[in-house]
PDB file of N, CA and C in Angstrom:
ATOM      1  N   UNK A   1      11.535 254.981  73.097  1.00  0.00           N
ATOM      2  CA  UNK A   1      10.485 254.211  72.467  1.00  0.00           C
ATOM      3  C   UNK A   1       9.686 255.146  71.571  1.00  0.00           C
ATOM      4  N   UNK A   2       9.380 254.697  70.408  1.00  0.00           N
ATOM      5  CA  UNK A   2       8.648 255.543  69.470  1.00  0.00           C
ATOM      6  C   UNK A   2       7.182 255.145  69.433  1.00  0.00           C
ATOM      7  N   UNK A   3       6.410 255.987  68.748  1.00  0.00           N
ATOM      8  CA  UNK A   3       4.977 255.716  68.641  1.00  0.00           C
ATOM      9  C   UNK A   3       4.655 254.874  67.408  1.00  0.00           C
ATOM     10  N   UNK A   4       5.674 254.363  66.735  1.00  0.00           N
ATOM     11  CA  UNK A   4       5.475 253.510  65.568  1.00  0.00           C
ATOM     12  C   UNK A   4       4.792 252.222  66.024  1.00  0.00           C
ATOM     13  N   UNK A   5       3.869 251.742  65.194  1.00  0.00           N
ATOM     14  CA  UNK A   5       3.141 250.521  65.543  1.00  0.00           C
ATOM     15  C   UNK A   5       4.104 249.349  65.674  1.00  0.00           C
ATOM     16  N   UNK A   6       3.974 248.629  66.766  1.00  0.00           N
ATOM     17  CA  UNK A   6       4.857 247.494  67.047  1.00  0.00           C
ATOM     18  C   UNK A   6       4.380 246.270  66.268  1.00  0.00           C
ATOM     19  N   UNK A   7       5.327 245.434  65.808  1.00  0.00           N
ATOM     20  CA  UNK A   7       4.926 244.223  65.092  1.00  0.00           C
ATOM     21  C   UNK A   7       4.272 243.216  66.033  1.00  0.00           C
ATOM     22  N   UNK A   8       3.425 242.376  65.481  1.00  0.00           N
ATOM     23  CA  UNK A   8       2.784 241.323  66.266  1.00  0.00           C
ATOM     24  C   UNK A   8       3.788 240.180  66.443  1.00  0.00           C
ATOM     25  N   UNK A   9       3.805 239.602  67.635  1.00  0.00           N
ATOM     26  CA  UNK A   9       4.755 238.526  67.939  1.00  0.00           C
ATOM     27  C   UNK A   9       4.432 237.268  67.144  1.00  0.00           C
ATOM     28  N   UNK A  10       5.484 236.628  66.633  1.00  0.00           N
ATOM     29  CA  UNK A  10       5.331 235.323  65.996  1.00  0.00           C
ATOM     30  C   UNK A  10       5.153 234.281  67.104  1.00  0.00           C
ATOM     31  N   UNK A  11       4.872 233.063  66.717  1.00  0.00           N
ATOM     32  CA  UNK A  11       4.733 231.983  67.697  1.00  0.00           C
ATOM     33  C   UNK A  11       6.016 231.851  68.525  1.00  0.00           C
ATOM     34  N   UNK A  12       7.173 231.886  67.845  1.00  0.00           N
ATOM     35  CA  UNK A  12       8.454 231.724  68.529  1.00  0.00           C
ATOM     36  C   UNK A  12       8.715 232.889  69.483  1.00  0.00           C
ATOM     37  N   UNK A  13       8.388 234.105  69.041  1.00  0.00           N
ATOM     38  CA  UNK A  13       8.572 235.266  69.904  1.00  0.00           C
ATOM     39  C   UNK A  13       7.645 235.206  71.115  1.00  0.00           C
ATOM     40  N   UNK A  14       6.397 234.792  70.896  1.00  0.00           N
ATOM     41  CA  UNK A  14       5.443 234.665  72.002  1.00  0.00           C
ATOM     42  C   UNK A  14       5.925 233.629  73.014  1.00  0.00           C
ATOM     43  N   UNK A  15       6.537 232.548  72.524  1.00  0.00           N
ATOM     44  CA  UNK A  15       7.090 231.523  73.412  1.00  0.00           C
ATOM     45  C   UNK A  15       8.220 232.107  74.254  1.00  0.00           C
ATOM     46  N   UNK A  16       9.086 232.911  73.627  1.00  0.00           N
ATOM     47  CA  UNK A  16      10.185 233.555  74.358  1.00  0.00           C
ATOM     48  C   UNK A  16       9.635 234.512  75.420  1.00  0.00           C
ATOM     49  N   UNK A  17       8.618 235.281  75.077  1.00  0.00           N
ATOM     50  CA  UNK A  17       8.000 236.223  76.026  1.00  0.00           C
ATOM     51  C   UNK A  17       7.404 235.452  77.203  1.00  0.00           C
ATOM     52  N   UNK A  18       6.693 234.358  76.913  1.00  0.00           N
ATOM     53  CA  UNK A  18       6.099 233.539  77.979  1.00  0.00           C
ATOM     54  C   UNK A  18       7.172 232.962  78.893  1.00  0.00           C
ATOM     55  N   UNK A  19       8.263 232.463  78.307  1.00  0.00           N
ATOM     56  CA  UNK A  19       9.363 231.914  79.108  1.00  0.00           C
ATOM     57  C   UNK A  19       9.973 232.989  80.005  1.00  0.00           C
ATOM     58  N   UNK A  20      10.137 234.187  79.468  1.00  0.00           N
ATOM     59  CA  UNK A  20      10.697 235.288  80.257  1.00  0.00           C
ATOM     60  C   UNK A  20       9.771 235.645  81.413  1.00  0.00           C
ATOM     61  N   UNK A  21       8.475 235.709  81.146  1.00  0.00           N
ATOM     62  CA  UNK A  21       7.501 236.031  82.211  1.00  0.00           C
ATOM     63  C   UNK A  21       7.528 234.980  83.324  1.00  0.00           C
ATOM     64  N   UNK A  22       7.763 233.726  82.945  1.00  0.00           N
ATOM     65  CA  UNK A  22       7.804 232.633  83.922  1.00  0.00           C
ATOM     66  C   UNK A  22       9.160 232.532  84.624  1.00  0.00           C
ATOM     67  N   UNK A  23      10.117 233.334  84.173  1.00  0.00           N
ATOM     68  CA  UNK A  23      11.448 233.285  84.767  1.00  0.00           C
ATOM     69  C   UNK A  23      12.276 232.114  84.294  1.00  0.00           C
ATOM     70  N   UNK A  24      11.858 231.510  83.190  1.00  0.00           N
ATOM     71  CA  UNK A  24      12.579 230.360  82.644  1.00  0.00           C
ATOM     72  C   UNK A  24      13.847 230.816  81.922  1.00  0.00           C
ATOM     73  N   UNK A  25      14.837 229.951  81.921  1.00  0.00           N
ATOM     74  CA  UNK A  25      16.055 230.197  81.175  1.00  0.00           C
ATOM     75  C   UNK A  25      15.854 229.682  79.748  1.00  0.00           C
ATOM     76  N   UNK A  26      16.238 230.468  78.782  1.00  0.00           N
ATOM     77  CA  UNK A  26      16.095 230.063  77.376  1.00  0.00           C
ATOM     78  C   UNK A  26      17.092 230.846  76.536  1.00  0.00           C
ATOM     79  N   UNK A  27      17.311 230.400  75.317  1.00  0.00           N
ATOM     80  CA  UNK A  27      18.155 231.154  74.398  1.00  0.00           C
ATOM     81  C   UNK A  27      17.478 231.275  73.058  1.00  0.00           C
ATOM     82  N   UNK A  28      17.784 232.369  72.391  1.00  0.00           N
ATOM     83  CA  UNK A  28      17.249 232.629  71.057  1.00  0.00           C
ATOM     84  C   UNK A  28      18.412 232.459  70.091  1.00  0.00           C
ATOM     85  N   UNK A  29      18.299 231.487  69.221  1.00  0.00           N
ATOM     86  CA  UNK A  29      19.348 231.223  68.233  1.00  0.00           C
ATOM     87  C   UNK A  29      18.771 231.545  66.863  1.00  0.00           C
ATOM     88  N   UNK A  30      19.371 232.519  66.193  1.00  0.00           N
ATOM     89  CA  UNK A  30      18.849 232.934  64.890  1.00  0.00           C
ATOM     90  C   UNK A  30      19.928 233.704  64.128  1.00  0.00           C
ATOM     91  N   UNK A  31      19.770 233.771  62.827  1.00  0.00           N
ATOM     92  CA  UNK A  31      20.694 234.515  61.975  1.00  0.00           C
ATOM     93  C   UNK A  31      20.508 236.012  62.151  1.00  0.00           C
ATOM     94  N   UNK A  32      21.481 236.776  61.654  1.00  0.00           N
ATOM     95  CA  UNK A  32      21.407 238.237  61.699  1.00  0.00           C
ATOM     96  C   UNK A  32      20.157 238.724  60.960  1.00  0.00           C
ATOM     97  N   UNK A  33      19.504 239.703  61.551  1.00  0.00           N
ATOM     98  CA  UNK A  33      18.356 240.325  60.906  1.00  0.00           C
ATOM     99  C   UNK A  33      17.059 239.548  60.988  1.00  0.00           C
ATOM    100  N   UNK A  34      17.003 238.521  61.826  1.00  0.00           N
ATOM    101  CA  UNK A  34      15.797 237.688  61.884  1.00  0.00           C
ATOM    102  C   UNK A  34      14.867 238.023  63.044  1.00  0.00           C
ATOM    103  N   UNK A  35      15.232 239.027  63.859  1.00  0.00           N
ATOM    104  CA  UNK A  35      14.307 239.475  64.890  1.00  0.00           C
ATOM    105  C   UNK A  35      14.711 239.229  66.332  1.00  0.00           C
ATOM    106  N   UNK A  36      15.986 238.961  66.590  1.00  0.00           N
ATOM    107  CA  UNK A  36      16.407 238.719  67.974  1.00  0.00           C
ATOM    108  C   UNK A  36      16.213 239.971  68.833  1.00  0.00           C
ATOM    109  N   UNK A  37      16.667 241.117  68.336  1.00  0.00           N
ATOM    110  CA  UNK A  37      16.521 242.358  69.097  1.00  0.00           C
ATOM    111  C   UNK A  37      15.050 242.722  69.242  1.00  0.00           C
ATOM    112  N   UNK A  38      14.271 242.524  68.198  1.00  0.00           N
ATOM    113  CA  UNK A  38      12.832 242.793  68.274  1.00  0.00           C
ATOM    114  C   UNK A  38      12.187 241.912  69.334  1.00  0.00           C
ATOM    115  N   UNK A  39      12.599 240.653  69.412  1.00  0.00           N
ATOM    116  CA  UNK A  39      12.079 239.738  70.431  1.00  0.00           C
ATOM    117  C   UNK A  39      12.416 240.259  71.824  1.00  0.00           C
ATOM    118  N   UNK A  40      13.655 240.711  72.007  1.00  0.00           N
ATOM    119  CA  UNK A  40      14.054 241.245  73.306  1.00  0.00           C
ATOM    120  C   UNK A  40      13.277 242.516  73.650  1.00  0.00           C
ATOM    121  N   UNK A  41      12.997 243.342  72.631  1.00  0.00           N
ATOM    122  CA  UNK A  41      12.168 244.534  72.855  1.00  0.00           C
ATOM    123  C   UNK A  41      10.758 244.130  73.284  1.00  0.00           C
ATOM    124  N   UNK A  42      10.226 243.098  72.671  1.00  0.00           N
ATOM    125  CA  UNK A  42       8.892 242.615  73.042  1.00  0.00           C
ATOM    126  C   UNK A  42       8.877 242.119  74.488  1.00  0.00           C
ATOM    127  N   UNK A  43       9.943 241.445  74.884  1.00  0.00           N
ATOM    128  CA  UNK A  43      10.054 240.984  76.267  1.00  0.00           C
ATOM    129  C   UNK A  43      10.123 242.191  77.201  1.00  0.00           C
ATOM    130  N   UNK A  44      10.916 243.186  76.826  1.00  0.00           N
ATOM    131  CA  UNK A  44      11.031 244.404  77.623  1.00  0.00           C
ATOM    132  C   UNK A  44       9.681 245.119  77.738  1.00  0.00           C
ATOM    133  N   UNK A  45       8.928 245.174  76.642  1.00  0.00           N
ATOM    134  CA  UNK A  45       7.602 245.804  76.650  1.00  0.00           C
ATOM    135  C   UNK A  45       6.617 245.027  77.523  1.00  0.00           C
ATOM    136  N   UNK A  46       6.744 243.697  77.523  1.00  0.00           N
ATOM    137  CA  UNK A  46       5.833 242.855  78.303  1.00  0.00           C
ATOM    138  C   UNK A  46       6.126 242.939  79.796  1.00  0.00           C
ATOM    139  N   UNK A  47       7.361 243.289  80.130  1.00  0.00           N
ATOM    140  CA  UNK A  47       7.772 243.326  81.546  1.00  0.00           C
ATOM    141  C   UNK A  47       8.571 244.599  81.814  1.00  0.00           C
ATOM    142  N   UNK A  48       7.977 245.783  81.637  1.00  0.00           N
ATOM    143  CA  UNK A  48       8.736 247.040  81.735  1.00  0.00           C
ATOM    144  C   UNK A  48       9.346 247.313  83.106  1.00  0.00           C
ATOM    145  N   UNK A  49       8.823 246.681  84.141  1.00  0.00           N
ATOM    146  CA  UNK A  49       9.342 246.903  85.494  1.00  0.00           C
ATOM    147  C   UNK A  49      10.580 246.064  85.790  1.00  0.00           C
ATOM    148  N   UNK A  50      10.847 245.061  84.967  1.00  0.00           N
ATOM    149  CA  UNK A  50      11.980 244.157  85.194  1.00  0.00           C
ATOM    150  C   UNK A  50      13.276 244.752  84.666  1.00  0.00           C
ATOM    151  N   UNK A  51      14.355 244.502  85.390  1.00  0.00           N
ATOM    152  CA  UNK A  51      15.672 244.934  84.944  1.00  0.00           C
ATOM    153  C   UNK A  51      16.223 243.922  83.953  1.00  0.00           C
ATOM    154  N   UNK A  52      17.031 244.404  83.027  1.00  0.00           N
ATOM    155  CA  UNK A  52      17.659 243.515  82.069  1.00  0.00           C
ATOM    156  C   UNK A  52      18.949 244.107  81.547  1.00  0.00           C
ATOM    157  N   UNK A  53      19.674 243.313  80.789  1.00  0.00           N
ATOM    158  CA  UNK A  53      20.902 243.778  80.170  1.00  0.00           C
ATOM    159  C   UNK A  53      20.955 243.289  78.729  1.00  0.00           C
ATOM    160  N   UNK A  54      21.293 244.193  77.818  1.00  0.00           N
ATOM    161  CA  UNK A  54      21.451 243.900  76.400  1.00  0.00           C
ATOM    162  C   UNK A  54      22.932 244.075  76.097  1.00  0.00           C
ATOM    163  N   UNK A  55      23.597 243.020  75.633  1.00  0.00           N
ATOM    164  CA  UNK A  55      25.012 243.093  75.309  1.00  0.00           C
ATOM    165  C   UNK A  55      25.212 243.115  73.806  1.00  0.00           C
ATOM    166  N   UNK A  56      26.041 244.056  73.352  1.00  0.00           N
ATOM    167  CA  UNK A  56      26.309 244.222  71.924  1.00  0.00           C
ATOM    168  C   UNK A  56      27.812 244.130  71.680  1.00  0.00           C
ATOM    169  N   UNK A  57      28.177 243.931  70.427  1.00  0.00           N
ATOM    170  CA  UNK A  57      29.588 243.819  70.086  1.00  0.00           C
ATOM    171  C   UNK A  57      30.269 245.170  69.909  1.00  0.00           C
ATOM    172  N   UNK A  58      29.501 246.243  69.665  1.00  0.00           N
ATOM    173  CA  UNK A  58      30.138 247.552  69.556  1.00  0.00           C
ATOM    174  C   UNK A  58      29.250 248.641  70.150  1.00  0.00           C
ATOM    175  N   UNK A  59      29.867 249.786  70.436  1.00  0.00           N
ATOM    176  CA  UNK A  59      29.186 250.876  71.136  1.00  0.00           C
ATOM    177  C   UNK A  59      28.031 251.454  70.322  1.00  0.00           C
ATOM    178  N   UNK A  60      28.181 251.523  69.007  1.00  0.00           N
ATOM    179  CA  UNK A  60      27.111 252.081  68.175  1.00  0.00           C
ATOM    180  C   UNK A  60      25.826 251.262  68.314  1.00  0.00           C
ATOM    181  N   UNK A  61      25.955 249.949  68.303  1.00  0.00           N
ATOM    182  CA  UNK A  61      24.781 249.080  68.449  1.00  0.00           C
ATOM    183  C   UNK A  61      24.206 249.213  69.859  1.00  0.00           C
ATOM    184  N   UNK A  62      25.074 249.264  70.872  1.00  0.00           N
ATOM    185  CA  UNK A  62      24.598 249.413  72.254  1.00  0.00           C
ATOM    186  C   UNK A  62      23.866 250.740  72.440  1.00  0.00           C
ATOM    187  N   UNK A  63      24.408 251.810  71.869  1.00  0.00           N
ATOM    188  CA  UNK A  63      23.764 253.127  71.983  1.00  0.00           C
ATOM    189  C   UNK A  63      22.418 253.153  71.268  1.00  0.00           C
ATOM    190  N   UNK A  64      22.360 252.558  70.092  1.00  0.00           N
ATOM    191  CA  UNK A  64      21.096 252.482  69.343  1.00  0.00           C
ATOM    192  C   UNK A  64      20.063 251.668  70.129  1.00  0.00           C
ATOM    193  N   UNK A  65      20.501 250.578  70.713  1.00  0.00           N
ATOM    194  CA  UNK A  65      19.592 249.720  71.477  1.00  0.00           C
ATOM    195  C   UNK A  65      19.045 250.446  72.698  1.00  0.00           C
ATOM    196  N   UNK A  66      19.862 251.285  73.330  1.00  0.00           N
ATOM    197  CA  UNK A  66      19.419 251.991  74.536  1.00  0.00           C
ATOM    198  C   UNK A  66      18.190 252.857  74.241  1.00  0.00           C
ATOM    199  N   UNK A  67      18.085 253.338  73.018  1.00  0.00           N
ATOM    200  CA  UNK A  67      16.932 254.146  72.624  1.00  0.00           C
ATOM    201  C   UNK A  67      15.674 253.300  72.425  1.00  0.00           C
ATOM    202  N   UNK A  68      15.839 252.009  72.231  1.00  0.00           N
ATOM    203  CA  UNK A  68      14.721 251.121  71.914  1.00  0.00           C
ATOM    204  C   UNK A  68      14.127 250.410  73.124  1.00  0.00           C
ATOM    205  N   UNK A  69      14.894 250.337  74.211  1.00  0.00           N
ATOM    206  CA  UNK A  69      14.458 249.576  75.376  1.00  0.00           C
ATOM    207  C   UNK A  69      13.991 250.492  76.493  1.00  0.00           C
ATOM    208  N   UNK A  70      13.264 249.917  77.434  1.00  0.00           N
ATOM    209  CA  UNK A  70      12.845 250.650  78.623  1.00  0.00           C
ATOM    210  C   UNK A  70      14.064 251.043  79.435  1.00  0.00           C
ATOM    211  N   UNK A  71      13.888 252.006  80.314  1.00  0.00           N
ATOM    212  CA  UNK A  71      15.016 252.537  81.093  1.00  0.00           C
ATOM    213  C   UNK A  71      15.637 251.510  82.029  1.00  0.00           C
ATOM    214  N   UNK A  72      14.920 250.434  82.325  1.00  0.00           N
ATOM    215  CA  UNK A  72      15.455 249.404  83.223  1.00  0.00           C
ATOM    216  C   UNK A  72      16.373 248.418  82.500  1.00  0.00           C
ATOM    217  N   UNK A  73      16.525 248.575  81.200  1.00  0.00           N
ATOM    218  CA  UNK A  73      17.411 247.696  80.432  1.00  0.00           C
ATOM    219  C   UNK A  73      18.729 248.435  80.188  1.00  0.00           C
ATOM    220  N   UNK A  74      19.802 247.862  80.684  1.00  0.00           N
ATOM    221  CA  UNK A  74      21.132 248.431  80.531  1.00  0.00           C
ATOM    222  C   UNK A  74      21.737 247.887  79.238  1.00  0.00           C
ATOM    223  N   UNK A  75      21.980 248.764  78.275  1.00  0.00           N
ATOM    224  CA  UNK A  75      22.563 248.354  76.988  1.00  0.00           C
ATOM    225  C   UNK A  75      24.037 248.741  76.982  1.00  0.00           C
ATOM    226  N   UNK A  76      24.889 247.772  76.785  1.00  0.00           N
ATOM    227  CA  UNK A  76      26.325 248.021  76.827  1.00  0.00           C
ATOM    228  C   UNK A  76      27.061 247.018  75.945  1.00  0.00           C
ATOM    229  N   UNK A  77      28.365 247.205  75.830  1.00  0.00           N
ATOM    230  CA  UNK A  77      29.179 246.264  75.057  1.00  0.00           C
ATOM    231  C   UNK A  77      29.714 245.173  75.987  1.00  0.00           C
ATOM    232  N   UNK A  78      30.106 244.069  75.388  1.00  0.00           N
ATOM    233  CA  UNK A  78      30.736 243.001  76.160  1.00  0.00           C
ATOM    234  C   UNK A  78      31.995 243.549  76.852  1.00  0.00           C
ATOM    235  N   UNK A  79      32.744 244.362  76.115  1.00  0.00           N
ATOM    236  CA  UNK A  79      33.978 244.933  76.654  1.00  0.00           C
ATOM    237  C   UNK A  79      33.696 245.784  77.889  1.00  0.00           C
ATOM    238  N   UNK A  80      32.663 246.635  77.818  1.00  0.00           N
ATOM    239  CA  UNK A  80      32.368 247.506  78.960  1.00  0.00           C
ATOM    240  C   UNK A  80      31.908 246.693  80.171  1.00  0.00           C
ATOM    241  N   UNK A  81      31.241 245.589  79.926  1.00  0.00           N
ATOM    242  CA  UNK A  81      30.829 244.718  81.025  1.00  0.00           C
ATOM    243  C   UNK A  81      32.067 244.134  81.723  1.00  0.00           C
ATOM    244  N   UNK A  82      33.027 243.674  80.929  1.00  0.00           N
ATOM    245  CA  UNK A  82      34.259 243.122  81.495  1.00  0.00           C
ATOM    246  C   UNK A  82      35.069 244.216  82.192  1.00  0.00           C
ATOM    247  N   UNK A  83      35.163 245.383  81.570  1.00  0.00           N
ATOM    248  CA  UNK A  83      35.941 246.488  82.123  1.00  0.00           C
ATOM    249  C   UNK A  83      35.365 246.942  83.462  1.00  0.00           C
ATOM    250  N   UNK A  84      34.068 246.828  83.616  1.00  0.00           N
ATOM    251  CA  UNK A  84      33.399 247.231  84.856  1.00  0.00           C
ATOM    252  C   UNK A  84      33.879 246.410  86.047  1.00  0.00           C
ATOM    253  N   UNK A  85      34.357 245.196  85.793  1.00  0.00           N
ATOM    254  CA  UNK A  85      34.812 244.345  86.894  1.00  0.00           C
ATOM    255  C   UNK A  85      36.286 244.562  87.243  1.00  0.00           C
ATOM    256  N   UNK A  86      36.982 245.402  86.469  1.00  0.00           N
ATOM    257  CA  UNK A  86      38.384 245.699  86.748  1.00  0.00           C
ATOM    258  C   UNK A  86      38.444 246.730  87.877  1.00  0.00           C
ATOM    259  N   UNK A  87      39.281 246.494  88.905  1.00  0.00           N
ATOM    260  CA  UNK A  87      39.371 247.479  89.986  1.00  0.00           C
ATOM    261  C   UNK A  87      39.870 248.822  89.458  1.00  0.00           C
ATOM    262  N   UNK A  88      39.508 249.904  90.129  1.00  0.00           N
ATOM    263  CA  UNK A  88      39.855 251.254  89.677  1.00  0.00           C
ATOM    264  C   UNK A  88      41.355 251.414  89.443  1.00  0.00           C
ATOM    265  N   UNK A  89      42.185 250.806  90.290  1.00  0.00           N
ATOM    266  CA  UNK A  89      43.629 250.955  90.134  1.00  0.00           C
ATOM    267  C   UNK A  89      44.121 250.317  88.841  1.00  0.00           C
ATOM    268  N   UNK A  90      43.349 249.404  88.254  1.00  0.00           N
ATOM    269  CA  UNK A  90      43.765 248.728  87.030  1.00  0.00           C
ATOM    270  C   UNK A  90      43.381 249.458  85.760  1.00  0.00           C
ATOM    271  N   UNK A  91      42.531 250.469  85.858  1.00  0.00           N
ATOM    272  CA  UNK A  91      42.076 251.186  84.658  1.00  0.00           C
ATOM    273  C   UNK A  91      43.225 251.868  83.921  1.00  0.00           C
ATOM    274  N   UNK A  92      44.108 252.517  84.663  1.00  0.00           N
ATOM    275  CA  UNK A  92      45.231 253.191  84.014  1.00  0.00           C
ATOM    276  C   UNK A  92      46.152 252.176  83.346  1.00  0.00           C
ATOM    277  N   UNK A  93      46.401 251.056  84.011  1.00  0.00           N
ATOM    278  CA  UNK A  93      47.270 250.018  83.451  1.00  0.00           C
ATOM    279  C   UNK A  93      46.697 249.499  82.134  1.00  0.00           C
ATOM    280  N   UNK A  94      45.387 249.300  82.091  1.00  0.00           N
ATOM    281  CA  UNK A  94      44.746 248.814  80.867  1.00  0.00           C
ATOM    282  C   UNK A  94      44.850 249.857  79.770  1.00  0.00           C
ATOM    283  N   UNK A  95      44.637 251.134  80.112  1.00  0.00           N
ATOM    284  CA  UNK A  95      44.710 252.205  79.111  1.00  0.00           C
ATOM    285  C   UNK A  95      46.110 252.289  78.514  1.00  0.00           C
ATOM    286  N   UNK A  96      47.127 252.194  79.349  1.00  0.00           N
ATOM    287  CA  UNK A  96      48.509 252.226  78.862  1.00  0.00           C
ATOM    288  C   UNK A  96      48.761 251.021  77.967  1.00  0.00           C
ATOM    289  N   UNK A  97      48.321 249.880  78.402  1.00  0.00           N
ATOM    290  CA  UNK A  97      48.522 248.654  77.633  1.00  0.00           C
ATOM    291  C   UNK A  97      47.836 248.750  76.271  1.00  0.00           C
ATOM    292  N   UNK A  98      46.662 249.329  76.229  1.00  0.00           N
ATOM    293  CA  UNK A  98      45.940 249.450  74.956  1.00  0.00           C
ATOM    294  C   UNK A  98      46.693 250.355  73.995  1.00  0.00           C
ATOM    295  N   UNK A  99      47.210 251.491  74.476  1.00  0.00           N
ATOM    296  CA  UNK A  99      47.948 252.384  73.584  1.00  0.00           C
ATOM    297  C   UNK A  99      49.258 251.743  73.145  1.00  0.00           C
ATOM    298  N   UNK A 100      49.913 251.011  74.057  1.00  0.00           N
ATOM    299  CA  UNK A 100      51.142 250.329  73.684  1.00  0.00           C
ATOM    300  C   UNK A 100      50.880 249.261  72.639  1.00  0.00           C
ATOM    301  N   UNK A 101      49.753 248.573  72.748  1.00  0.00           N
ATOM    302  CA  UNK A 101      49.463 247.515  71.784  1.00  0.00           C
ATOM    303  C   UNK A 101      49.293 248.088  70.378  1.00  0.00           C
ATOM    304  N   UNK A 102      48.764 249.305  70.261  1.00  0.00           N
ATOM    305  CA  UNK A 102      48.658 249.938  68.944  1.00  0.00           C
ATOM    306  C   UNK A 102      50.050 250.206  68.377  1.00  0.00           C
ATOM    307  N   UNK A 103      50.943 250.686  69.240  1.00  0.00           N
ATOM    308  CA  UNK A 103      52.312 250.945  68.816  1.00  0.00           C
ATOM    309  C   UNK A 103      52.984 249.658  68.352  1.00  0.00           C
ATOM    310  N   UNK A 104      52.797 248.575  69.111  1.00  0.00           N
ATOM    311  CA  UNK A 104      53.399 247.299  68.743  1.00  0.00           C
ATOM    312  C   UNK A 104      52.826 246.787  67.428  1.00  0.00           C
ATOM    313  N   UNK A 105      51.559 246.998  67.222  1.00  0.00           N
ATOM    314  CA  UNK A 105      50.932 246.607  65.962  1.00  0.00           C
ATOM    315  C   UNK A 105      51.551 247.345  64.791  1.00  0.00           C
ATOM    316  N   UNK A 106      51.814 248.633  64.986  1.00  0.00           N
ATOM    317  CA  UNK A 106      52.447 249.429  63.927  1.00  0.00           C
ATOM    318  C   UNK A 106      53.855 248.913  63.655  1.00  0.00           C
ATOM    319  N   UNK A 107      54.570 248.556  64.720  1.00  0.00           N
ATOM    320  CA  UNK A 107      55.913 248.018  64.542  1.00  0.00           C
ATOM    321  C   UNK A 107      55.881 246.711  63.756  1.00  0.00           C
ATOM    322  N   UNK A 108      54.912 245.869  64.067  1.00  0.00           N
ATOM    323  CA  UNK A 108      54.791 244.599  63.350  1.00  0.00           C
ATOM    324  C   UNK A 108      54.500 244.832  61.882  1.00  0.00           C
ATOM    325  N   UNK A 109      53.569 245.720  61.608  1.00  0.00           N
ATOM    326  CA  UNK A 109      53.204 245.949  60.212  1.00  0.00           C
ATOM    327  C   UNK A 109      54.330 246.638  59.456  1.00  0.00           C
ATOM    328  N   UNK A 110      55.230 247.337  60.176  1.00  0.00           N
ATOM    329  CA  UNK A 110      56.368 247.985  59.535  1.00  0.00           C
ATOM    330  C   UNK A 110      57.553 247.036  59.416  1.00  0.00           C
ATOM    331  N   UNK A 111      57.394 245.803  59.882  1.00  0.00           N
ATOM    332  CA  UNK A 111      58.459 244.812  59.763  1.00  0.00           C
ATOM    333  C   UNK A 111      59.454 244.845  60.904  1.00  0.00           C
ATOM    334  N   UNK A 112      59.078 245.379  62.044  1.00  0.00           N
ATOM    335  CA  UNK A 112      59.997 245.410  63.182  1.00  0.00           C
ATOM    336  C   UNK A 112      60.372 243.990  63.573  1.00  0.00           C
ATOM    337  N   UNK A 113      61.617 243.810  63.978  1.00  0.00           N
ATOM    338  CA  UNK A 113      62.068 242.465  64.318  1.00  0.00           C
ATOM    339  C   UNK A 113      62.014 242.191  65.810  1.00  0.00           C
ATOM    340  N   UNK A 114      61.346 243.051  66.549  1.00  0.00           N
ATOM    341  CA  UNK A 114      61.195 242.789  67.977  1.00  0.00           C
ATOM    342  C   UNK A 114      59.872 243.367  68.467  1.00  0.00           C
ATOM    343  N   UNK A 115      59.474 242.888  69.598  1.00  0.00           N
ATOM    344  CA  UNK A 115      58.309 243.417  70.301  1.00  0.00           C
ATOM    345  C   UNK A 115      58.703 243.593  71.755  1.00  0.00           C
ATOM    346  N   UNK A 116      58.110 244.536  72.387  1.00  0.00           N
ATOM    347  CA  UNK A 116      58.312 244.670  73.841  1.00  0.00           C
ATOM    348  C   UNK A 116      57.124 244.013  74.511  1.00  0.00           C
ATOM    349  N   UNK A 117      57.357 243.416  75.658  1.00  0.00           N
ATOM    350  CA  UNK A 117      56.251 242.848  76.408  1.00  0.00           C
ATOM    351  C   UNK A 117      55.512 243.986  77.088  1.00  0.00           C
ATOM    352  N   UNK A 118      54.442 243.690  77.764  1.00  0.00           N
ATOM    353  CA  UNK A 118      53.663 244.739  78.411  1.00  0.00           C
ATOM    354  C   UNK A 118      54.435 245.440  79.510  1.00  0.00           C
ATOM    355  N   UNK A 119      55.437 244.776  80.072  1.00  0.00           N
ATOM    356  CA  UNK A 119      56.212 245.460  81.122  1.00  0.00           C
ATOM    357  C   UNK A 119      57.460 246.129  80.546  1.00  0.00           C
ATOM    358  N   UNK A 120      57.581 246.200  79.226  1.00  0.00           N
ATOM    359  CA  UNK A 120      58.648 246.947  78.592  1.00  0.00           C
ATOM    360  C   UNK A 120      59.884 246.146  78.206  1.00  0.00           C
ATOM    361  N   UNK A 121      59.977 244.894  78.618  1.00  0.00           N
ATOM    362  CA  UNK A 121      61.145 244.081  78.282  1.00  0.00           C
ATOM    363  C   UNK A 121      60.988 243.533  76.859  1.00  0.00           C
ATOM    364  N   UNK A 122      62.088 243.357  76.171  1.00  0.00           N
ATOM    365  CA  UNK A 122      62.064 242.791  74.833  1.00  0.00           C
ATOM    366  C   UNK A 122      61.691 241.314  74.921  1.00  0.00           C
ATOM    367  N   UNK A 123      60.928 240.869  73.950  1.00  0.00           N
ATOM    368  CA  UNK A 123      60.548 239.444  73.907  1.00  0.00           C
ATOM    369  C   UNK A 123      61.530 238.669  73.059  1.00  0.00           C
TER     370      UNK A 123
END
């Protein structure tokens, strides 16, 4: 968190903060760049003791967000959230599958006339 002066909440942002304080379920629907993350930061500032999670589409955004929120807010990607639920024995299988999928993609773009399935058999 920086010492830069924080913006004053709009009516809509204040409503979101009030709903969060009351424990109400709500959603913020808005276009890119219209203040969704700022609203979430305001909620985090209003309730610094509460735990939360910020989900982003890529690691760069999640890492940047982690610098903006209180320590009780876990900032991560959707992918990392899903991967967290995979049992430890499945991590290696997923890693192999991911590298194989890159190889298959290269074969497709090179005009290969076959693909192997994830278990190695030709499709």
